[in-house]
Amino acid sequence: RDWNQAVAAYESGEGGKNPVSGPWTGTWLSHVNGHTGDLRCLVSPAESADSNTYEFRYHATWQKILSGGFTAEYDVEKQGRSGFLVKGEKDLGPFGGFQHEGRIKGDTFDSTYASDMGDHGVFELKRP
């Protein structure tokens, strides 16, 4: 789905309000070079895996004129009554490996990331 359709579906409660699936929006920040930008993520259950695996479709901006994205499948584990741990890795080809660990609780999705190229930082996302 495109972003606008996903936001409309989430806001209308279409398909129930899955605490993990749906749109997330916020920012990313590199702790190495201070670069930052907007970040969107659409999350849906992965079609090719078990029920604890989700597809995360990221789209980021940087330097106000550049943008790009990638899709990754990550494992999601329930923690406590309302929290979820998101963890996984993705090979980004010439950009190296990307490791990601985050927590979803309520309408907040906070994560750390690290790349094989030496970058590391945070994602801070909320529901739109």
C-alpha atoms as a PDB file:
ATOM      1  CA  ARG A   1       0.000   0.000   0.000  1.00  0.00           C
ATOM      2  CA  ASP A   2       1.094   3.487  -0.430  1.00  0.00           C
ATOM      3  CA  TRP A   3       1.547   5.744   2.575  1.00  0.00           C
ATOM      4  CA  ASN A   4      -1.744   7.679   2.320  1.00  0.00           C
ATOM      5  CA  GLN A   5      -3.807   4.496   1.965  1.00  0.00           C
ATOM      6  CA  ALA A   6      -2.046   2.916   4.948  1.00  0.00           C
ATOM      7  CA  VAL A   7      -2.648   5.981   7.138  1.00  0.00           C
ATOM      8  CA  ALA A   8      -6.329   6.141   6.136  1.00  0.00           C
ATOM      9  CA  ALA A   9      -6.783   2.411   6.824  1.00  0.00           C
ATOM     10  CA  TYR A  10      -5.075   2.706  10.208  1.00  0.00           C
ATOM     11  CA  GLU A  11      -7.093   5.761  11.256  1.00  0.00           C
ATOM     12  CA  SER A  12     -10.380   4.127  10.227  1.00  0.00           C
ATOM     13  CA  GLY A  13      -9.549   0.952  12.175  1.00  0.00           C
ATOM     14  CA  GLU A  14      -9.735  -1.160   9.008  1.00  0.00           C
ATOM     15  CA  GLY A  15      -8.722  -4.708   9.859  1.00  0.00           C
ATOM     16  CA  GLY A  16      -8.428  -3.950  13.573  1.00  0.00           C
ATOM     17  CA  LYS A  17      -5.638  -2.058  15.276  1.00  0.00           C
ATOM     18  CA  ASN A  18      -2.663  -4.400  15.295  1.00  0.00           C
ATOM     19  CA  PRO A  19      -0.139  -2.914  17.776  1.00  0.00           C
ATOM     20  CA  VAL A  20       2.749  -3.576  15.359  1.00  0.00           C
ATOM     21  CA  SER A  21       1.303  -3.299  11.831  1.00  0.00           C
ATOM     22  CA  GLY A  22       0.483  -0.112  10.023  1.00  0.00           C
ATOM     23  CA  PRO A  23       2.132   3.255   9.463  1.00  0.00           C
ATOM     24  CA  TRP A  24       4.813   4.839  11.648  1.00  0.00           C
ATOM     25  CA  THR A  25       6.377   8.267  11.138  1.00  0.00           C
ATOM     26  CA  GLY A  26       9.199  10.211  12.755  1.00  0.00           C
ATOM     27  CA  THR A  27      12.913  10.865  12.382  1.00  0.00           C
ATOM     28  CA  TRP A  28      16.284   9.163  12.255  1.00  0.00           C
ATOM     29  CA  LEU A  29      19.587  10.464  13.639  1.00  0.00           C
ATOM     30  CA  SER A  30      23.143   9.273  13.043  1.00  0.00           C
ATOM     31  CA  HIS A  31      25.246   9.398  16.206  1.00  0.00           C
ATOM     32  CA  VAL A  32      28.380   9.286  14.028  1.00  0.00           C
ATOM     33  CA  ASN A  33      27.958  12.330  11.783  1.00  0.00           C
ATOM     34  CA  GLY A  34      24.836  14.067  13.115  1.00  0.00           C
ATOM     35  CA  HIS A  35      22.897  13.557   9.899  1.00  0.00           C
ATOM     36  CA  THR A  36      19.147  13.405  10.421  1.00  0.00           C
ATOM     37  CA  GLY A  37      15.935  13.328   8.422  1.00  0.00           C
ATOM     38  CA  ASP A  38      12.339  12.264   8.225  1.00  0.00           C
ATOM     39  CA  LEU A  39      11.503   8.577   8.396  1.00  0.00           C
ATOM     40  CA  ARG A  40       8.384   6.637   7.529  1.00  0.00           C
ATOM     41  CA  CYS A  41       7.788   2.944   7.979  1.00  0.00           C
ATOM     42  CA  LEU A  42       4.942   0.696   6.847  1.00  0.00           C
ATOM     43  CA  VAL A  43       4.767  -2.554   8.806  1.00  0.00           C
ATOM     44  CA  SER A  44       2.805  -5.643   7.796  1.00  0.00           C
ATOM     45  CA  PRO A  45       2.931  -9.360   8.620  1.00  0.00           C
ATOM     46  CA  ALA A  46       5.450 -11.063   6.336  1.00  0.00           C
ATOM     47  CA  GLU A  47       3.792 -13.374   3.819  1.00  0.00           C
ATOM     48  CA  SER A  48       6.680 -15.815   3.575  1.00  0.00           C
ATOM     49  CA  ALA A  49       7.430 -16.427   7.246  1.00  0.00           C
ATOM     50  CA  ASP A  50       5.987 -17.402  10.609  1.00  0.00           C
ATOM     51  CA  SER A  51       3.528 -15.268  12.550  1.00  0.00           C
ATOM     52  CA  ASN A  52       6.294 -13.461  14.468  1.00  0.00           C
ATOM     53  CA  THR A  53       7.955 -12.051  11.342  1.00  0.00           C
ATOM     54  CA  TYR A  54       6.934  -8.696   9.897  1.00  0.00           C
ATOM     55  CA  GLU A  55       7.894  -6.735   6.803  1.00  0.00           C
ATOM     56  CA  PHE A  56       9.221  -3.239   7.525  1.00  0.00           C
ATOM     57  CA  ARG A  57       9.228  -0.830   4.555  1.00  0.00           C
ATOM     58  CA  TYR A  58      11.360   2.199   5.412  1.00  0.00           C
ATOM     59  CA  HIS A  59      11.579   5.489   3.517  1.00  0.00           C
ATOM     60  CA  ALA A  60      14.014   8.142   4.763  1.00  0.00           C
ATOM     61  CA  THR A  61      15.054  11.641   3.746  1.00  0.00           C
ATOM     62  CA  TRP A  62      18.393  13.336   4.337  1.00  0.00           C
ATOM     63  CA  GLN A  63      19.975  16.670   3.414  1.00  0.00           C
ATOM     64  CA  LYS A  64      16.435  17.896   2.671  1.00  0.00           C
ATOM     65  CA  ILE A  65      16.675  16.827  -0.997  1.00  0.00           C
ATOM     66  CA  LEU A  66      17.674  13.155  -0.957  1.00  0.00           C
ATOM     67  CA  SER A  67      15.514  10.159  -0.144  1.00  0.00           C
ATOM     68  CA  GLY A  68      15.599   6.407  -0.325  1.00  0.00           C
ATOM     69  CA  GLY A  69      14.258   3.299   1.241  1.00  0.00           C
ATOM     70  CA  PHE A  70      14.559  -0.397   1.829  1.00  0.00           C
ATOM     71  CA  THR A  71      12.421  -3.316   2.927  1.00  0.00           C
ATOM     72  CA  ALA A  72      13.439  -5.843   5.572  1.00  0.00           C
ATOM     73  CA  GLU A  73      11.832  -8.698   7.464  1.00  0.00           C
ATOM     74  CA  TYR A  74      12.365  -8.633  11.225  1.00  0.00           C
ATOM     75  CA  ASP A  75      11.280 -10.869  14.069  1.00  0.00           C
ATOM     76  CA  VAL A  76       8.859  -9.310  16.546  1.00  0.00           C
ATOM     77  CA  GLU A  77       8.511 -10.738  20.064  1.00  0.00           C
ATOM     78  CA  LYS A  78       5.897  -9.735  22.608  1.00  0.00           C
ATOM     79  CA  GLN A  79       7.390  -8.363  25.826  1.00  0.00           C
ATOM     80  CA  GLY A  80       5.153  -7.861  28.822  1.00  0.00           C
ATOM     81  CA  ARG A  81       1.535  -6.846  28.382  1.00  0.00           C
ATOM     82  CA  SER A  82       1.924  -4.099  25.810  1.00  0.00           C
ATOM     83  CA  GLY A  83       5.466  -4.089  24.456  1.00  0.00           C
ATOM     84  CA  PHE A  84       7.197  -5.693  21.489  1.00  0.00           C
ATOM     85  CA  LEU A  85      10.875  -6.274  20.670  1.00  0.00           C
ATOM     86  CA  VAL A  86      11.841  -5.807  17.004  1.00  0.00           C
ATOM     87  CA  LYS A  87      15.175  -7.280  15.982  1.00  0.00           C
ATOM     88  CA  GLY A  88      16.944  -8.249  12.788  1.00  0.00           C
ATOM     89  CA  GLU A  89      19.561  -7.698  10.121  1.00  0.00           C
ATOM     90  CA  LYS A  90      19.503  -6.715   6.467  1.00  0.00           C
ATOM     91  CA  ASP A  91      22.221  -6.848   3.795  1.00  0.00           C
ATOM     92  CA  LEU A  92      22.071  -3.515   1.959  1.00  0.00           C
ATOM     93  CA  GLY A  93      24.549  -4.523  -0.739  1.00  0.00           C
ATOM     94  CA  PRO A  94      27.137  -1.772  -1.309  1.00  0.00           C
ATOM     95  CA  PHE A  95      25.961  -0.036   1.881  1.00  0.00           C
ATOM     96  CA  GLY A  96      26.905  -3.094   3.971  1.00  0.00           C
ATOM     97  CA  GLY A  97      24.991  -4.933   6.642  1.00  0.00           C
ATOM     98  CA  PHE A  98      22.398  -3.184   8.782  1.00  0.00           C
ATOM     99  CA  GLN A  99      21.440  -4.315  12.278  1.00  0.00           C
ATOM    100  CA  HIS A 100      18.295  -3.042  13.940  1.00  0.00           C
ATOM    101  CA  GLU A 101      16.808  -3.415  17.411  1.00  0.00           C
ATOM    102  CA  GLY A 102      13.742  -1.570  18.613  1.00  0.00           C
ATOM    103  CA  ARG A 103      10.815  -1.535  20.969  1.00  0.00           C
ATOM    104  CA  ILE A 104       7.197  -0.829  20.216  1.00  0.00           C
ATOM    105  CA  LYS A 105       5.022   0.236  23.106  1.00  0.00           C
ATOM    106  CA  GLY A 106       1.655   1.823  22.464  1.00  0.00           C
ATOM    107  CA  ASP A 107       2.040   4.507  19.810  1.00  0.00           C
ATOM    108  CA  THR A 108       5.841   4.703  20.142  1.00  0.00           C
ATOM    109  CA  PHE A 109       8.465   2.772  18.145  1.00  0.00           C
ATOM    110  CA  ASP A 110      12.036   3.598  19.225  1.00  0.00           C
ATOM    111  CA  SER A 111      15.018   1.813  17.688  1.00  0.00           C
ATOM    112  CA  THR A 112      18.762   1.733  17.455  1.00  0.00           C
ATOM    113  CA  TYR A 113      20.621   0.822  14.289  1.00  0.00           C
ATOM    114  CA  ALA A 114      24.194   0.035  13.303  1.00  0.00           C
ATOM    115  CA  SER A 115      25.782  -0.573   9.927  1.00  0.00           C
ATOM    116  CA  ASP A 116      28.891  -2.475   8.906  1.00  0.00           C
ATOM    117  CA  MET A 117      30.106   0.808   7.365  1.00  0.00           C
ATOM    118  CA  GLY A 118      30.511   2.323  10.849  1.00  0.00           C
ATOM    119  CA  ASP A 119      27.315   4.338  11.150  1.00  0.00           C
ATOM    120  CA  HIS A 120      24.967   3.946  14.108  1.00  0.00           C
ATOM    121  CA  GLY A 121      22.091   5.916  15.522  1.00  0.00           C
ATOM    122  CA  VAL A 122      18.415   5.973  16.400  1.00  0.00           C
ATOM    123  CA  PHE A 123      14.943   5.939  14.871  1.00  0.00           C
ATOM    124  CA  GLU A 124      12.133   7.644  16.796  1.00  0.00           C
ATOM    125  CA  LEU A 125       8.704   6.861  15.364  1.00  0.00           C
ATOM    126  CA  LYS A 126       5.105   7.409  16.405  1.00  0.00           C
ATOM    127  CA  ARG A 127       1.726   6.700  14.872  1.00  0.00           C
ATOM    128  CA  PRO A 128       0.613   9.385  12.394  1.00  0.00           C
END
